[in-house]
Structure formats: structure tokens, C-alpha cells
Amino acid sequence: EYGASAVARGESVTIAMLGEGFSVSQTGEAMEAGVIGDWIRVRGLKNGQAQGEAMRARITRPGEVVVELRE
């Protein structure tokens, strides 16, 4: 349904980090809810625990966000 949240606050998401010529992904947690195309804050998870700083990522599909790394 249009307008339905693609990612819920607190939901486990896949964070895809894209750089020139490479991509990596990790499990993370959404710190905000949003629809596809929205920019939200996420943070990585390790062993189920939040780690590192929050980062901004764009929702590309339900349960997946992308962080574009630039030099």
C-alpha cells in the first residue's frame, strides 16, 4: 500500500554500504521509521547490540537501506 512504512523504528535492517567499485552489507537497526526513498538514521548491530555512530541511510526496499560512501 502506498504510504505504508517500509521500515519501522527499532526494526532489524540490512545496511548496504556502496562505494566506488565495492559494496558491503551488515545488519543494523532502524532508529526511525520511513517509506521507500526516505532518509532515516540507522546504526550497525554486532551480536545483537548497537555499535558505532548513527548514520543516515536511504530506504531502498522493505528491510533494506543504503549508505553511499564518497571520498
C-alpha atoms as a PDB file:
ATOM      1  CA  GLU A   1       0.000   0.000   0.000  1.00  0.00           C
ATOM      2  CA  TYR A   2       1.341   3.441  -0.898  1.00  0.00           C
ATOM      3  CA  GLY A   3       2.448   5.389   2.145  1.00  0.00           C
ATOM      4  CA  ALA A   4       2.815   2.294   4.306  1.00  0.00           C
ATOM      5  CA  SER A   5       6.036   2.204   6.290  1.00  0.00           C
ATOM      6  CA  ALA A   6       8.769   0.153   4.589  1.00  0.00           C
ATOM      7  CA  VAL A   7      10.897   0.230   7.744  1.00  0.00           C
ATOM      8  CA  ALA A   8       9.681   0.516  11.330  1.00  0.00           C
ATOM      9  CA  ARG A   9      11.575   2.165  14.166  1.00  0.00           C
ATOM     10  CA  GLY A  10      13.597  -0.490  16.003  1.00  0.00           C
ATOM     11  CA  GLU A  11      13.346  -2.947  13.107  1.00  0.00           C
ATOM     12  CA  SER A  12      16.351  -5.002  12.061  1.00  0.00           C
ATOM     13  CA  VAL A  13      17.502  -3.903   8.597  1.00  0.00           C
ATOM     14  CA  THR A  14      20.230  -4.762   6.116  1.00  0.00           C
ATOM     15  CA  ILE A  15      22.572  -1.800   5.697  1.00  0.00           C
ATOM     16  CA  ALA A  16      24.242  -1.886   2.283  1.00  0.00           C
ATOM     17  CA  MET A  17      27.284   0.397   2.064  1.00  0.00           C
ATOM     18  CA  LEU A  18      28.140   1.305  -1.513  1.00  0.00           C
ATOM     19  CA  GLY A  19      31.441   2.817  -2.599  1.00  0.00           C
ATOM     20  CA  GLU A  20      33.243   3.181  -5.872  1.00  0.00           C
ATOM     21  CA  GLY A  21      33.713  -0.380  -7.116  1.00  0.00           C
ATOM     22  CA  PHE A  22      32.610  -2.168  -3.944  1.00  0.00           C
ATOM     23  CA  SER A  23      29.724  -2.853  -1.617  1.00  0.00           C
ATOM     24  CA  VAL A  24      29.439  -4.411   1.818  1.00  0.00           C
ATOM     25  CA  SER A  25      26.447  -5.081   3.982  1.00  0.00           C
ATOM     26  CA  GLN A  26      25.767  -5.561   7.652  1.00  0.00           C
ATOM     27  CA  THR A  27      22.828  -5.974   9.967  1.00  0.00           C
ATOM     28  CA  GLY A  28      21.581  -2.830  11.602  1.00  0.00           C
ATOM     29  CA  GLU A  29      18.719  -1.252  13.475  1.00  0.00           C
ATOM     30  CA  ALA A  30      16.442   1.474  12.176  1.00  0.00           C
ATOM     31  CA  MET A  31      16.300   4.403  14.578  1.00  0.00           C
ATOM     32  CA  GLU A  32      13.391   5.938  12.663  1.00  0.00           C
ATOM     33  CA  ALA A  33      10.507   4.691  10.519  1.00  0.00           C
ATOM     34  CA  GLY A  34      10.110   5.571   6.861  1.00  0.00           C
ATOM     35  CA  VAL A  35       8.854   4.716   3.404  1.00  0.00           C
ATOM     36  CA  ILE A  36      10.899   3.775   0.333  1.00  0.00           C
ATOM     37  CA  GLY A  37      13.049   6.728  -0.685  1.00  0.00           C
ATOM     38  CA  ASP A  38      13.149   8.288   2.796  1.00  0.00           C
ATOM     39  CA  TRP A  39      16.415   9.062   4.573  1.00  0.00           C
ATOM     40  CA  ILE A  40      16.486   7.666   8.106  1.00  0.00           C
ATOM     41  CA  ARG A  41      19.053   7.171  10.853  1.00  0.00           C
ATOM     42  CA  VAL A  42      20.352   3.633  11.353  1.00  0.00           C
ATOM     43  CA  ARG A  43      23.109   2.052  13.365  1.00  0.00           C
ATOM     44  CA  GLY A  44      25.018  -1.169  12.977  1.00  0.00           C
ATOM     45  CA  LEU A  45      24.498  -4.198  15.183  1.00  0.00           C
ATOM     46  CA  LYS A  46      27.046  -6.718  16.360  1.00  0.00           C
ATOM     47  CA  ASN A  47      25.865  -9.753  18.320  1.00  0.00           C
ATOM     48  CA  GLY A  48      22.502  -8.029  18.665  1.00  0.00           C
ATOM     49  CA  GLN A  49      23.997  -4.945  20.341  1.00  0.00           C
ATOM     50  CA  ALA A  50      24.088  -1.488  18.775  1.00  0.00           C
ATOM     51  CA  GLN A  51      27.567  -0.372  17.842  1.00  0.00           C
ATOM     52  CA  GLY A  52      29.116   2.773  16.436  1.00  0.00           C
ATOM     53  CA  GLU A  53      27.608   6.075  15.471  1.00  0.00           C
ATOM     54  CA  ALA A  54      24.237   6.546  13.850  1.00  0.00           C
ATOM     55  CA  MET A  55      24.398   7.114  10.106  1.00  0.00           C
ATOM     56  CA  ARG A  56      21.961   8.377   7.512  1.00  0.00           C
ATOM     57  CA  ALA A  57      20.714   5.838   5.011  1.00  0.00           C
ATOM     58  CA  ARG A  58      18.094   5.791   2.265  1.00  0.00           C
ATOM     59  CA  ILE A  59      15.382   3.132   2.298  1.00  0.00           C
ATOM     60  CA  THR A  60      15.552   1.188  -0.966  1.00  0.00           C
ATOM     61  CA  ARG A  61      13.036  -1.548  -0.179  1.00  0.00           C
ATOM     62  CA  PRO A  62      11.370  -3.012   2.903  1.00  0.00           C
ATOM     63  CA  GLY A  63      14.061  -4.031   5.382  1.00  0.00           C
ATOM     64  CA  GLU A  64      16.959  -2.611   3.357  1.00  0.00           C
ATOM     65  CA  VAL A  65      18.753   0.731   3.452  1.00  0.00           C
ATOM     66  CA  VAL A  66      21.728   2.096   1.520  1.00  0.00           C
ATOM     67  CA  VAL A  67      24.605   4.285   2.676  1.00  0.00           C
ATOM     68  CA  GLU A  68      26.627   5.772  -0.180  1.00  0.00           C
ATOM     69  CA  LEU A  69      30.279   6.211   0.718  1.00  0.00           C
ATOM     70  CA  ARG A  70      32.116   9.028  -1.001  1.00  0.00           C
ATOM     71  CA  GLU A  71      35.743  10.041  -0.794  1.00  0.00           C
END
